[in-house]
Amino acid sequence: METKKEEKMLKTFLKSLVIFIVTTIICYFIISNITWLKEILNNIEYDKFYLIFLSGNLALIIDLLCSVIIDTTIENIKIKKIESSFKIEKIEYYRDLLEDISPAILARIYKKNSNIEDQIVATILNLEHKGKIKIENYKIVKINDTSGLEEHEQYLIDLLTNKEYIIEINNKKQNILKEFNILVENEITESNLVQIKEEEIKVYGVFEVLLFMGLAFAFVLPIASALDSGSFLAFVPGLIYFISLPISLIILYKIKFIIRTDKGIDLKVKLNGLKNYLKEFTNINENGIDKIKIYDEYILYAIIFNLKGELNKDSKKIFDNFIKQILNEEYL
């Protein structure tokens, strides 16, 4: 295992080095032929090393940004190939309700970057459907027996009942969304619906970024020290590079690649069929929350599939009121 890691790191090093050299050469020839830049450079003392330094800095910036974009794109292509390799028969129309699975989990299976606010609203409506809470005028007014809930469902109930818990998260809407997202993510992973791949891309992505920084110190900065002190223009790309470095590290740290398992793909196929059914055979997106008794749980799926239509305003009211209850400490 260690040998494979060492081989991959060596390949990453060689790839990064070659890309850096090639990009520097390209930048050098481009800069050398830019008329307006040549006029600026003619006003100060410079030589080929100056242009190499300028080109090297630009190459570092380009390679840094491209490494993030390319690595992410490659990983997403690999994931699509893995998911498409599962031989799951497609279903054109599926009308059975998936009552044993939380709407938030269904939303994440249907769309990996599903809107978290929609997930929360769908979960709240599902809790009312199960008799766990009561909603009046788009606001939760009563909490009943909450036994047997999923962890992310219980979390929403706790936000309305547990004062100490609210103090702990400092009453911030963003923290609520983040915590809810983490809980849902953990549950879909534990349910074997998805696998989350993040460590490998972090390790080798960060390695590439640090390698580029090392090249800057080993190659570009020594040249800079030999330049005339008035040659500030050459330092501008380097300054941009070092500003972009922590941003790129944050981007790499945040990236998570979600791979649906065969079980997850099977569920996704059913959800696609259910969406087709709702679009073709119902007018659910033309009705508001007040019609929930007519369409029952289909309302939840309209929110998950973003078929909200007239539901959009109602959905936003429920979410906004939920957050206001928490932030204003209107505990039940």
C-alpha atoms as a PDB file:
ATOM      1  CA  MET A   1       0.000   0.000   0.000  1.00  0.00           C
ATOM      2  CA  GLU A   2       2.808   2.408   0.915  1.00  0.00           C
ATOM      3  CA  THR A   3       4.562   1.601  -2.365  1.00  0.00           C
ATOM      4  CA  LYS A   4       1.463   2.590  -4.348  1.00  0.00           C
ATOM      5  CA  LYS A   5       1.229   5.861  -2.436  1.00  0.00           C
ATOM      6  CA  GLU A   6       4.913   6.609  -3.079  1.00  0.00           C
ATOM      7  CA  GLU A   7       4.464   5.811  -6.773  1.00  0.00           C
ATOM      8  CA  LYS A   8       1.454   8.095  -6.993  1.00  0.00           C
ATOM      9  CA  MET A   9       3.291  10.921  -5.248  1.00  0.00           C
ATOM     10  CA  LEU A  10       6.257  10.492  -7.605  1.00  0.00           C
ATOM     11  CA  LYS A  11       3.940  10.613 -10.620  1.00  0.00           C
ATOM     12  CA  THR A  12       2.290  13.711  -9.175  1.00  0.00           C
ATOM     13  CA  PHE A  13       5.691  15.334  -8.720  1.00  0.00           C
ATOM     14  CA  LEU A  14       6.824  14.551 -12.263  1.00  0.00           C
ATOM     15  CA  LYS A  15       3.483  15.622 -13.737  1.00  0.00           C
ATOM     16  CA  SER A  16       3.545  18.896 -11.810  1.00  0.00           C
ATOM     17  CA  LEU A  17       7.158  19.592 -12.774  1.00  0.00           C
ATOM     18  CA  VAL A  18       6.541  18.966 -16.478  1.00  0.00           C
ATOM     19  CA  ILE A  19       3.362  21.070 -16.446  1.00  0.00           C
ATOM     20  CA  PHE A  20       5.173  23.887 -14.667  1.00  0.00           C
ATOM     21  CA  ILE A  21       8.076  23.916 -17.157  1.00  0.00           C
ATOM     22  CA  VAL A  22       5.789  23.751 -20.196  1.00  0.00           C
ATOM     23  CA  THR A  23       3.455  26.467 -18.855  1.00  0.00           C
ATOM     24  CA  THR A  24       6.450  28.696 -18.017  1.00  0.00           C
ATOM     25  CA  ILE A  25       7.803  28.363 -21.567  1.00  0.00           C
ATOM     26  CA  ILE A  26       4.391  29.162 -23.065  1.00  0.00           C
ATOM     27  CA  CYS A  27       3.962  32.187 -20.785  1.00  0.00           C
ATOM     28  CA  TYR A  28       7.491  33.367 -21.662  1.00  0.00           C
ATOM     29  CA  PHE A  29       6.820  33.396 -25.391  1.00  0.00           C
ATOM     30  CA  ILE A  30       3.407  35.019 -24.953  1.00  0.00           C
ATOM     31  CA  ILE A  31       4.750  37.760 -22.663  1.00  0.00           C
ATOM     32  CA  SER A  32       7.707  38.376 -24.963  1.00  0.00           C
ATOM     33  CA  ASN A  33       5.298  39.201 -27.780  1.00  0.00           C
ATOM     34  CA  ILE A  34       2.797  41.414 -25.952  1.00  0.00           C
ATOM     35  CA  THR A  35       3.388  44.912 -27.345  1.00  0.00           C
ATOM     36  CA  TRP A  36       1.952  46.982 -24.471  1.00  0.00           C
ATOM     37  CA  LEU A  37       3.851  44.928 -21.879  1.00  0.00           C
ATOM     38  CA  LYS A  38       7.088  45.294 -23.792  1.00  0.00           C
ATOM     39  CA  GLU A  39       6.605  49.078 -23.735  1.00  0.00           C
ATOM     40  CA  ILE A  40       6.218  49.004 -19.952  1.00  0.00           C
ATOM     41  CA  LEU A  41       9.266  46.780 -19.534  1.00  0.00           C
ATOM     42  CA  ASN A  42      11.323  49.048 -21.774  1.00  0.00           C
ATOM     43  CA  ASN A  43      10.994  51.776 -19.126  1.00  0.00           C
ATOM     44  CA  ILE A  44      12.832  49.679 -16.549  1.00  0.00           C
ATOM     45  CA  GLU A  45      15.996  47.609 -16.595  1.00  0.00           C
ATOM     46  CA  TYR A  46      15.311  43.947 -17.250  1.00  0.00           C
ATOM     47  CA  ASP A  47      16.739  40.930 -19.023  1.00  0.00           C
ATOM     48  CA  LYS A  48      15.696  37.377 -19.873  1.00  0.00           C
ATOM     49  CA  PHE A  49      15.777  36.371 -16.222  1.00  0.00           C
ATOM     50  CA  TYR A  50      13.197  39.052 -15.511  1.00  0.00           C
ATOM     51  CA  LEU A  51      10.849  37.599 -18.109  1.00  0.00           C
ATOM     52  CA  ILE A  52      11.499  34.080 -16.851  1.00  0.00           C
ATOM     53  CA  PHE A  53      10.598  35.193 -13.345  1.00  0.00           C
ATOM     54  CA  LEU A  54       7.409  36.853 -14.570  1.00  0.00           C
ATOM     55  CA  SER A  55       6.535  33.798 -16.678  1.00  0.00           C
ATOM     56  CA  GLY A  56       7.283  31.418 -13.817  1.00  0.00           C
ATOM     57  CA  ASN A  57       4.939  33.269 -11.472  1.00  0.00           C
ATOM     58  CA  LEU A  58       2.139  33.329 -14.040  1.00  0.00           C
ATOM     59  CA  ALA A  59       2.728  29.626 -14.693  1.00  0.00           C
ATOM     60  CA  LEU A  60       2.397  28.883 -10.970  1.00  0.00           C
ATOM     61  CA  ILE A  61      -0.950  30.679 -10.792  1.00  0.00           C
ATOM     62  CA  ILE A  62      -2.288  28.965 -13.920  1.00  0.00           C
ATOM     63  CA  ASP A  63      -1.065  25.518 -12.846  1.00  0.00           C
ATOM     64  CA  LEU A  64      -2.450  25.953  -9.333  1.00  0.00           C
ATOM     65  CA  LEU A  65      -5.953  26.811 -10.543  1.00  0.00           C
ATOM     66  CA  CYS A  66      -5.909  24.227 -13.321  1.00  0.00           C
ATOM     67  CA  SER A  67      -4.767  21.458 -10.955  1.00  0.00           C
ATOM     68  CA  VAL A  68      -7.869  22.041  -8.810  1.00  0.00           C
ATOM     69  CA  ILE A  69     -10.226  22.161 -11.808  1.00  0.00           C
ATOM     70  CA  ILE A  70      -8.652  19.231 -13.682  1.00  0.00           C
ATOM     71  CA  ASP A  71      -8.356  16.932 -10.645  1.00  0.00           C
ATOM     72  CA  THR A  72     -11.978  17.628  -9.707  1.00  0.00           C
ATOM     73  CA  THR A  73     -13.184  17.026 -13.270  1.00  0.00           C
ATOM     74  CA  ILE A  74     -11.267  13.755 -13.551  1.00  0.00           C
ATOM     75  CA  GLU A  75     -12.692  12.495 -10.261  1.00  0.00           C
ATOM     76  CA  ASN A  76     -16.249  13.369 -11.338  1.00  0.00           C
ATOM     77  CA  ILE A  77     -15.762  11.497 -14.635  1.00  0.00           C
ATOM     78  CA  LYS A  78     -14.515   8.445 -12.721  1.00  0.00           C
ATOM     79  CA  ILE A  79     -17.546   8.595 -10.420  1.00  0.00           C
ATOM     80  CA  LYS A  80     -19.955   8.738 -13.376  1.00  0.00           C
ATOM     81  CA  LYS A  81     -18.292   5.686 -14.885  1.00  0.00           C
ATOM     82  CA  ILE A  82     -18.574   3.789 -11.606  1.00  0.00           C
ATOM     83  CA  GLU A  83     -22.241   4.698 -11.164  1.00  0.00           C
ATOM     84  CA  SER A  84     -23.116   3.872 -14.786  1.00  0.00           C
ATOM     85  CA  SER A  85     -21.473   0.455 -14.436  1.00  0.00           C
ATOM     86  CA  PHE A  86     -24.319  -0.766 -12.184  1.00  0.00           C
ATOM     87  CA  LYS A  87     -26.856  -2.662 -14.275  1.00  0.00           C
ATOM     88  CA  ILE A  88     -30.069  -1.209 -12.898  1.00  0.00           C
ATOM     89  CA  GLU A  89     -33.156  -1.379 -15.104  1.00  0.00           C
ATOM     90  CA  LYS A  90     -34.621   2.053 -15.782  1.00  0.00           C
ATOM     91  CA  ILE A  91     -38.202   2.794 -14.737  1.00  0.00           C
ATOM     92  CA  GLU A  92     -40.162   5.320 -16.796  1.00  0.00           C
ATOM     93  CA  TYR A  93     -42.924   5.855 -14.231  1.00  0.00           C
ATOM     94  CA  TYR A  94     -42.833   4.936 -10.551  1.00  0.00           C
ATOM     95  CA  ARG A  95     -45.772   5.859  -8.334  1.00  0.00           C
ATOM     96  CA  ASP A  96     -45.074   4.023  -5.065  1.00  0.00           C
ATOM     97  CA  LEU A  97     -44.203   6.259  -2.140  1.00  0.00           C
ATOM     98  CA  LEU A  98     -40.859   5.613  -0.447  1.00  0.00           C
ATOM     99  CA  GLU A  99     -42.237   6.053   3.065  1.00  0.00           C
ATOM    100  CA  ASP A 100     -39.459   4.223   4.891  1.00  0.00           C
ATOM    101  CA  ILE A 101     -36.797   6.714   3.771  1.00  0.00           C
ATOM    102  CA  SER A 102     -36.535  10.312   4.979  1.00  0.00           C
ATOM    103  CA  PRO A 103     -37.153  13.044   2.364  1.00  0.00           C
ATOM    104  CA  ALA A 104     -33.758  14.591   3.163  1.00  0.00           C
ATOM    105  CA  ILE A 105     -31.992  11.348   2.312  1.00  0.00           C
ATOM    106  CA  LEU A 106     -34.077  10.938  -0.848  1.00  0.00           C
ATOM    107  CA  ALA A 107     -33.177  14.488  -1.867  1.00  0.00           C
ATOM    108  CA  ARG A 108     -29.447  13.777  -1.517  1.00  0.00           C
ATOM    109  CA  ILE A 109     -29.731  10.572  -3.515  1.00  0.00           C
ATOM    110  CA  TYR A 110     -31.709  12.304  -6.245  1.00  0.00           C
ATOM    111  CA  LYS A 111     -29.335  15.268  -6.412  1.00  0.00           C
ATOM    112  CA  LYS A 112     -26.015  15.192  -4.588  1.00  0.00           C
ATOM    113  CA  ASN A 113     -25.907  18.951  -4.008  1.00  0.00           C
ATOM    114  CA  SER A 114     -29.582  19.205  -3.146  1.00  0.00           C
ATOM    115  CA  ASN A 115     -30.737  22.468  -1.555  1.00  0.00           C
ATOM    116  CA  ILE A 116     -30.499  22.046   2.232  1.00  0.00           C
ATOM    117  CA  GLU A 117     -33.365  24.437   2.941  1.00  0.00           C
ATOM    118  CA  ASP A 118     -35.654  22.321   0.737  1.00  0.00           C
ATOM    119  CA  GLN A 119     -34.491  19.202   2.584  1.00  0.00           C
ATOM    120  CA  ILE A 120     -35.445  20.773   5.911  1.00  0.00           C
ATOM    121  CA  VAL A 121     -38.882  21.863   4.662  1.00  0.00           C
ATOM    122  CA  ALA A 122     -39.584  18.389   3.219  1.00  0.00           C
ATOM    123  CA  THR A 123     -38.490  16.836   6.534  1.00  0.00           C
ATOM    124  CA  ILE A 124     -40.769  19.168   8.531  1.00  0.00           C
ATOM    125  CA  LEU A 125     -43.776  18.322   6.316  1.00  0.00           C
ATOM    126  CA  ASN A 126     -42.957  14.633   6.629  1.00  0.00           C
ATOM    127  CA  LEU A 127     -42.870  14.955  10.422  1.00  0.00           C
ATOM    128  CA  GLU A 128     -46.348  16.459  10.304  1.00  0.00           C
ATOM    129  CA  HIS A 129     -47.542  13.659   8.010  1.00  0.00           C
ATOM    130  CA  LYS A 130     -46.276  11.135  10.574  1.00  0.00           C
ATOM    131  CA  GLY A 131     -48.084  12.982  13.367  1.00  0.00           C
ATOM    132  CA  LYS A 132     -44.898  14.042  15.145  1.00  0.00           C
ATOM    133  CA  ILE A 133     -45.616  17.761  14.894  1.00  0.00           C
ATOM    134  CA  LYS A 134     -48.474  20.101  14.002  1.00  0.00           C
ATOM    135  CA  ILE A 135     -48.219  23.002  11.547  1.00  0.00           C
ATOM    136  CA  GLU A 136     -50.603  25.962  11.453  1.00  0.00           C
ATOM    137  CA  ASN A 137     -50.176  29.038   9.268  1.00  0.00           C
ATOM    138  CA  TYR A 138     -46.798  27.751   8.034  1.00  0.00           C
ATOM    139  CA  LYS A 139     -45.507  27.484  11.604  1.00  0.00           C
ATOM    140  CA  ILE A 140     -44.858  24.557  13.928  1.00  0.00           C
ATOM    141  CA  VAL A 141     -47.234  24.999  16.860  1.00  0.00           C
ATOM    142  CA  LYS A 142     -47.086  21.630  18.602  1.00  0.00           C
ATOM    143  CA  ILE A 143     -44.680  18.735  19.094  1.00  0.00           C
ATOM    144  CA  ASN A 144     -46.089  15.281  19.821  1.00  0.00           C
ATOM    145  CA  ASP A 145     -44.347  11.976  20.520  1.00  0.00           C
ATOM    146  CA  THR A 146     -40.948  12.044  18.781  1.00  0.00           C
ATOM    147  CA  SER A 147     -39.803   8.487  19.345  1.00  0.00           C
ATOM    148  CA  GLY A 148     -38.343   6.513  16.463  1.00  0.00           C
ATOM    149  CA  LEU A 149     -36.985   9.474  14.524  1.00  0.00           C
ATOM    150  CA  GLU A 150     -33.846   9.559  12.413  1.00  0.00           C
ATOM    151  CA  GLU A 151     -30.988  11.588  13.896  1.00  0.00           C
ATOM    152  CA  HIS A 152     -31.418  14.520  11.488  1.00  0.00           C
ATOM    153  CA  GLU A 153     -35.185  14.564  12.184  1.00  0.00           C
ATOM    154  CA  GLN A 154     -34.580  14.579  15.923  1.00  0.00           C
ATOM    155  CA  TYR A 155     -32.096  17.412  15.421  1.00  0.00           C
ATOM    156  CA  LEU A 156     -34.839  19.662  14.013  1.00  0.00           C
ATOM    157  CA  ILE A 157     -37.077  18.839  16.980  1.00  0.00           C
ATOM    158  CA  ASP A 158     -34.233  19.557  19.421  1.00  0.00           C
ATOM    159  CA  LEU A 159     -33.732  22.980  17.874  1.00  0.00           C
ATOM    160  CA  LEU A 160     -37.300  23.856  18.902  1.00  0.00           C
ATOM    161  CA  THR A 161     -37.165  22.389  22.387  1.00  0.00           C
ATOM    162  CA  ASN A 162     -33.624  22.414  23.762  1.00  0.00           C
ATOM    163  CA  LYS A 163     -32.437  25.869  24.821  1.00  0.00           C
ATOM    164  CA  GLU A 164     -28.927  24.723  25.753  1.00  0.00           C
ATOM    165  CA  TYR A 165     -28.493  23.185  22.310  1.00  0.00           C
ATOM    166  CA  ILE A 166     -29.348  26.506  20.677  1.00  0.00           C
ATOM    167  CA  ILE A 167     -26.774  28.352  22.779  1.00  0.00           C
ATOM    168  CA  GLU A 168     -24.198  25.774  21.754  1.00  0.00           C
ATOM    169  CA  ILE A 169     -24.626  26.529  18.032  1.00  0.00           C
ATOM    170  CA  ASN A 170     -24.780  30.273  18.734  1.00  0.00           C
ATOM    171  CA  ASN A 171     -28.152  30.788  17.005  1.00  0.00           C
ATOM    172  CA  LYS A 172     -26.602  30.968  13.545  1.00  0.00           C
ATOM    173  CA  LYS A 173     -28.664  29.897  10.547  1.00  0.00           C
ATOM    174  CA  GLN A 174     -25.568  28.740   8.662  1.00  0.00           C
ATOM    175  CA  ASN A 175     -24.539  26.464  11.518  1.00  0.00           C
ATOM    176  CA  ILE A 176     -27.996  24.901  11.536  1.00  0.00           C
ATOM    177  CA  LEU A 177     -27.786  24.128   7.813  1.00  0.00           C
ATOM    178  CA  LYS A 178     -24.256  22.794   8.191  1.00  0.00           C
ATOM    179  CA  GLU A 179     -25.104  20.492  11.108  1.00  0.00           C
ATOM    180  CA  PHE A 180     -28.228  19.188   9.374  1.00  0.00           C
ATOM    181  CA  ASN A 181     -26.201  18.492   6.223  1.00  0.00           C
ATOM    182  CA  ILE A 182     -23.559  16.572   8.191  1.00  0.00           C
ATOM    183  CA  LEU A 183     -26.182  14.408   9.898  1.00  0.00           C
ATOM    184  CA  VAL A 184     -27.888  13.549   6.596  1.00  0.00           C
ATOM    185  CA  GLU A 185     -24.534  12.814   4.985  1.00  0.00           C
ATOM    186  CA  ASN A 186     -23.570  10.449   7.805  1.00  0.00           C
ATOM    187  CA  GLU A 187     -26.898   8.641   7.590  1.00  0.00           C
ATOM    188  CA  ILE A 188     -26.824   8.039   3.823  1.00  0.00           C
ATOM    189  CA  THR A 189     -23.272   6.718   4.192  1.00  0.00           C
ATOM    190  CA  GLU A 190     -24.225   4.396   7.056  1.00  0.00           C
ATOM    191  CA  SER A 191     -27.230   3.190   5.012  1.00  0.00           C
ATOM    192  CA  ASN A 192     -24.822   2.067   2.269  1.00  0.00           C
ATOM    193  CA  LEU A 193     -26.551   4.333  -0.260  1.00  0.00           C
ATOM    194  CA  VAL A 194     -23.381   6.259  -1.037  1.00  0.00           C
ATOM    195  CA  GLN A 195     -19.661   6.193  -0.465  1.00  0.00           C
ATOM    196  CA  ILE A 196     -17.838   9.458   0.213  1.00  0.00           C
ATOM    197  CA  LYS A 197     -14.389   9.843  -1.255  1.00  0.00           C
ATOM    198  CA  GLU A 198     -12.471  12.815   0.060  1.00  0.00           C
ATOM    199  CA  GLU A 199      -9.201  11.834   1.731  1.00  0.00           C
ATOM    200  CA  GLU A 200      -7.301  10.846  -1.419  1.00  0.00           C
ATOM    201  CA  ILE A 201      -8.095  14.003  -3.357  1.00  0.00           C
ATOM    202  CA  LYS A 202      -7.201  16.077  -0.309  1.00  0.00           C
ATOM    203  CA  VAL A 203      -3.838  14.405   0.185  1.00  0.00           C
ATOM    204  CA  TYR A 204      -2.679  14.543  -3.418  1.00  0.00           C
ATOM    205  CA  GLY A 205      -4.400  17.833  -4.220  1.00  0.00           C
ATOM    206  CA  VAL A 206      -2.689  19.545  -1.290  1.00  0.00           C
ATOM    207  CA  PHE A 207       0.578  17.834  -2.265  1.00  0.00           C
ATOM    208  CA  GLU A 208       0.364  19.421  -5.707  1.00  0.00           C
ATOM    209  CA  VAL A 209      -0.333  22.869  -4.265  1.00  0.00           C
ATOM    210  CA  LEU A 210       2.580  22.610  -1.832  1.00  0.00           C
ATOM    211  CA  LEU A 211       4.795  21.345  -4.645  1.00  0.00           C
ATOM    212  CA  PHE A 212       4.038  24.413  -6.723  1.00  0.00           C
ATOM    213  CA  MET A 213       4.874  26.574  -3.710  1.00  0.00           C
ATOM    214  CA  GLY A 214       8.155  24.692  -3.300  1.00  0.00           C
ATOM    215  CA  LEU A 215       8.991  25.368  -6.936  1.00  0.00           C
ATOM    216  CA  ALA A 216       8.355  29.043  -6.289  1.00  0.00           C
ATOM    217  CA  PHE A 217      10.932  29.111  -3.492  1.00  0.00           C
ATOM    218  CA  ALA A 218      13.424  26.846  -5.259  1.00  0.00           C
ATOM    219  CA  PHE A 219      13.293  28.406  -8.706  1.00  0.00           C
ATOM    220  CA  VAL A 220      11.417  31.694  -8.934  1.00  0.00           C
ATOM    221  CA  LEU A 221      12.361  33.509  -5.726  1.00  0.00           C
ATOM    222  CA  PRO A 222      16.168  33.151  -6.106  1.00  0.00           C
ATOM    223  CA  ILE A 223      15.870  34.802  -9.508  1.00  0.00           C
ATOM    224  CA  ALA A 224      13.811  37.567  -7.949  1.00  0.00           C
ATOM    225  CA  SER A 225      16.544  38.314  -5.439  1.00  0.00           C
ATOM    226  CA  ALA A 226      18.964  38.896  -8.298  1.00  0.00           C
ATOM    227  CA  LEU A 227      16.689  41.433  -9.980  1.00  0.00           C
ATOM    228  CA  ASP A 228      16.856  45.178  -9.660  1.00  0.00           C
ATOM    229  CA  SER A 229      14.835  46.386  -6.671  1.00  0.00           C
ATOM    230  CA  GLY A 230      12.753  48.554  -8.974  1.00  0.00           C
ATOM    231  CA  SER A 231      11.402  45.561 -10.859  1.00  0.00           C
ATOM    232  CA  PHE A 232       8.163  45.367  -8.865  1.00  0.00           C
ATOM    233  CA  LEU A 233       6.109  44.284 -11.882  1.00  0.00           C
ATOM    234  CA  ALA A 234       7.657  40.825 -11.734  1.00  0.00           C
ATOM    235  CA  PHE A 235       6.504  40.356  -8.146  1.00  0.00           C
ATOM    236  CA  VAL A 236       2.816  41.019  -8.852  1.00  0.00           C
ATOM    237  CA  PRO A 237       2.010  37.503 -10.202  1.00  0.00           C
ATOM    238  CA  GLY A 238       3.913  35.994  -7.291  1.00  0.00           C
ATOM    239  CA  LEU A 239       1.854  38.037  -4.845  1.00  0.00           C
ATOM    240  CA  ILE A 240      -1.361  36.866  -6.541  1.00  0.00           C
ATOM    241  CA  TYR A 241      -0.111  33.280  -6.369  1.00  0.00           C
ATOM    242  CA  PHE A 242       0.509  33.367  -2.628  1.00  0.00           C
ATOM    243  CA  ILE A 243      -2.901  34.975  -2.076  1.00  0.00           C
ATOM    244  CA  SER A 244      -4.557  32.253  -4.163  1.00  0.00           C
ATOM    245  CA  LEU A 245      -2.674  29.477  -2.346  1.00  0.00           C
ATOM    246  CA  PRO A 246      -4.765  29.416   0.878  1.00  0.00           C
ATOM    247  CA  ILE A 247      -7.948  29.795  -1.187  1.00  0.00           C
ATOM    248  CA  SER A 248      -7.005  26.741  -3.249  1.00  0.00           C
ATOM    249  CA  LEU A 249      -6.187  24.775  -0.112  1.00  0.00           C
ATOM    250  CA  ILE A 250      -9.633  25.644   1.288  1.00  0.00           C
ATOM    251  CA  ILE A 251     -11.278  24.562  -1.979  1.00  0.00           C
ATOM    252  CA  LEU A 252      -9.413  21.254  -1.922  1.00  0.00           C
ATOM    253  CA  TYR A 253     -10.295  20.716   1.720  1.00  0.00           C
ATOM    254  CA  LYS A 254     -13.995  21.304   1.057  1.00  0.00           C
ATOM    255  CA  ILE A 255     -14.266  18.964  -1.931  1.00  0.00           C
ATOM    256  CA  LYS A 256     -16.144  15.735  -1.281  1.00  0.00           C
ATOM    257  CA  PHE A 257     -16.880  13.196  -3.962  1.00  0.00           C
ATOM    258  CA  ILE A 258     -20.103  11.274  -3.395  1.00  0.00           C
ATOM    259  CA  ILE A 259     -20.429   7.933  -5.177  1.00  0.00           C
ATOM    260  CA  ARG A 260     -23.823   6.237  -5.198  1.00  0.00           C
ATOM    261  CA  THR A 261     -23.666   2.503  -4.491  1.00  0.00           C
ATOM    262  CA  ASP A 262     -25.775  -0.011  -6.438  1.00  0.00           C
ATOM    263  CA  LYS A 263     -28.386   0.405  -3.706  1.00  0.00           C
ATOM    264  CA  GLY A 264     -28.225   4.176  -4.129  1.00  0.00           C
ATOM    265  CA  ILE A 265     -28.489   3.931  -7.938  1.00  0.00           C
ATOM    266  CA  ASP A 266     -31.546   1.678  -7.607  1.00  0.00           C
ATOM    267  CA  LEU A 267     -33.174   4.324  -5.407  1.00  0.00           C
ATOM    268  CA  LYS A 268     -32.176   7.093  -7.846  1.00  0.00           C
ATOM    269  CA  VAL A 269     -33.876   5.227 -10.717  1.00  0.00           C
ATOM    270  CA  LYS A 270     -37.088   4.978  -8.687  1.00  0.00           C
ATOM    271  CA  LEU A 271     -36.940   8.672  -7.852  1.00  0.00           C
ATOM    272  CA  ASN A 272     -36.488   9.549 -11.523  1.00  0.00           C
ATOM    273  CA  GLY A 273     -39.566   7.443 -12.325  1.00  0.00           C
ATOM    274  CA  LEU A 274     -41.540   9.110  -9.541  1.00  0.00           C
ATOM    275  CA  LYS A 275     -40.587  12.556 -10.830  1.00  0.00           C
ATOM    276  CA  ASN A 276     -41.781  11.588 -14.322  1.00  0.00           C
ATOM    277  CA  TYR A 277     -45.065  10.370 -12.847  1.00  0.00           C
ATOM    278  CA  LEU A 278     -45.632  13.625 -10.922  1.00  0.00           C
ATOM    279  CA  LYS A 279     -44.874  15.742 -13.978  1.00  0.00           C
ATOM    280  CA  GLU A 280     -47.049  13.715 -16.359  1.00  0.00           C
ATOM    281  CA  PHE A 281     -50.040  12.672 -14.263  1.00  0.00           C
ATOM    282  CA  THR A 282     -50.525  15.312 -11.537  1.00  0.00           C
ATOM    283  CA  ASN A 283     -50.797  19.076 -11.327  1.00  0.00           C
ATOM    284  CA  ILE A 284     -49.134  19.133  -7.940  1.00  0.00           C
ATOM    285  CA  ASN A 285     -46.948  22.153  -8.709  1.00  0.00           C
ATOM    286  CA  GLU A 286     -50.108  24.213  -9.224  1.00  0.00           C
ATOM    287  CA  ASN A 287     -51.233  23.765  -5.612  1.00  0.00           C
ATOM    288  CA  GLY A 288     -50.039  25.158  -2.301  1.00  0.00           C
ATOM    289  CA  ILE A 289     -49.330  23.593   1.073  1.00  0.00           C
ATOM    290  CA  ASP A 290     -52.999  23.992   2.033  1.00  0.00           C
ATOM    291  CA  LYS A 291     -53.755  21.136  -0.416  1.00  0.00           C
ATOM    292  CA  ILE A 292     -51.443  18.741   1.432  1.00  0.00           C
ATOM    293  CA  LYS A 293     -54.314  16.531   2.548  1.00  0.00           C
ATOM    294  CA  ILE A 294     -55.271  15.983  -1.091  1.00  0.00           C
ATOM    295  CA  TYR A 295     -51.824  15.024  -2.355  1.00  0.00           C
ATOM    296  CA  ASP A 296     -50.442  13.848   0.966  1.00  0.00           C
ATOM    297  CA  GLU A 297     -46.797  12.822   0.687  1.00  0.00           C
ATOM    298  CA  TYR A 298     -46.557  13.772  -2.980  1.00  0.00           C
ATOM    299  CA  ILE A 299     -46.007  17.329  -1.719  1.00  0.00           C
ATOM    300  CA  LEU A 300     -42.683  16.198  -0.247  1.00  0.00           C
ATOM    301  CA  TYR A 301     -41.491  14.849  -3.567  1.00  0.00           C
ATOM    302  CA  ALA A 302     -42.499  18.022  -5.397  1.00  0.00           C
ATOM    303  CA  ILE A 303     -40.116  19.868  -3.063  1.00  0.00           C
ATOM    304  CA  ILE A 304     -37.359  17.273  -3.483  1.00  0.00           C
ATOM    305  CA  PHE A 305     -37.630  17.369  -7.298  1.00  0.00           C
ATOM    306  CA  ASN A 306     -37.909  21.166  -7.362  1.00  0.00           C
ATOM    307  CA  LEU A 307     -41.363  20.963  -8.953  1.00  0.00           C
ATOM    308  CA  LYS A 308     -42.609  23.443  -6.422  1.00  0.00           C
ATOM    309  CA  GLY A 309     -44.350  25.971  -8.649  1.00  0.00           C
ATOM    310  CA  GLU A 310     -47.032  27.463  -6.372  1.00  0.00           C
ATOM    311  CA  LEU A 311     -45.415  25.598  -3.493  1.00  0.00           C
ATOM    312  CA  ASN A 312     -42.313  27.774  -3.652  1.00  0.00           C
ATOM    313  CA  LYS A 313     -43.709  30.656  -1.579  1.00  0.00           C
ATOM    314  CA  ASP A 314     -45.277  28.278   0.937  1.00  0.00           C
ATOM    315  CA  SER A 315     -42.051  26.318   1.250  1.00  0.00           C
ATOM    316  CA  LYS A 316     -40.063  29.488   1.916  1.00  0.00           C
ATOM    317  CA  LYS A 317     -42.585  30.621   4.558  1.00  0.00           C
ATOM    318  CA  ILE A 318     -42.237  27.325   6.446  1.00  0.00           C
ATOM    319  CA  PHE A 319     -38.437  27.500   6.407  1.00  0.00           C
ATOM    320  CA  ASP A 320     -38.283  31.183   7.378  1.00  0.00           C
ATOM    321  CA  ASN A 321     -40.758  30.671  10.234  1.00  0.00           C
ATOM    322  CA  PHE A 322     -38.796  27.640  11.448  1.00  0.00           C
ATOM    323  CA  ILE A 323     -35.572  29.663  11.589  1.00  0.00           C
ATOM    324  CA  LYS A 324     -37.341  32.604  13.281  1.00  0.00           C
ATOM    325  CA  GLN A 325     -38.724  30.283  15.962  1.00  0.00           C
ATOM    326  CA  ILE A 326     -35.214  29.097  16.732  1.00  0.00           C
ATOM    327  CA  LEU A 327     -33.467  32.462  16.607  1.00  0.00           C
ATOM    328  CA  ASN A 328     -36.187  34.136  18.667  1.00  0.00           C
ATOM    329  CA  GLU A 329     -36.080  31.233  21.153  1.00  0.00           C
ATOM    330  CA  GLU A 330     -39.797  30.478  20.767  1.00  0.00           C
ATOM    331  CA  TYR A 331     -39.431  27.008  22.286  1.00  0.00           C
ATOM    332  CA  LEU A 332     -42.256  24.501  22.311  1.00  0.00           C
END
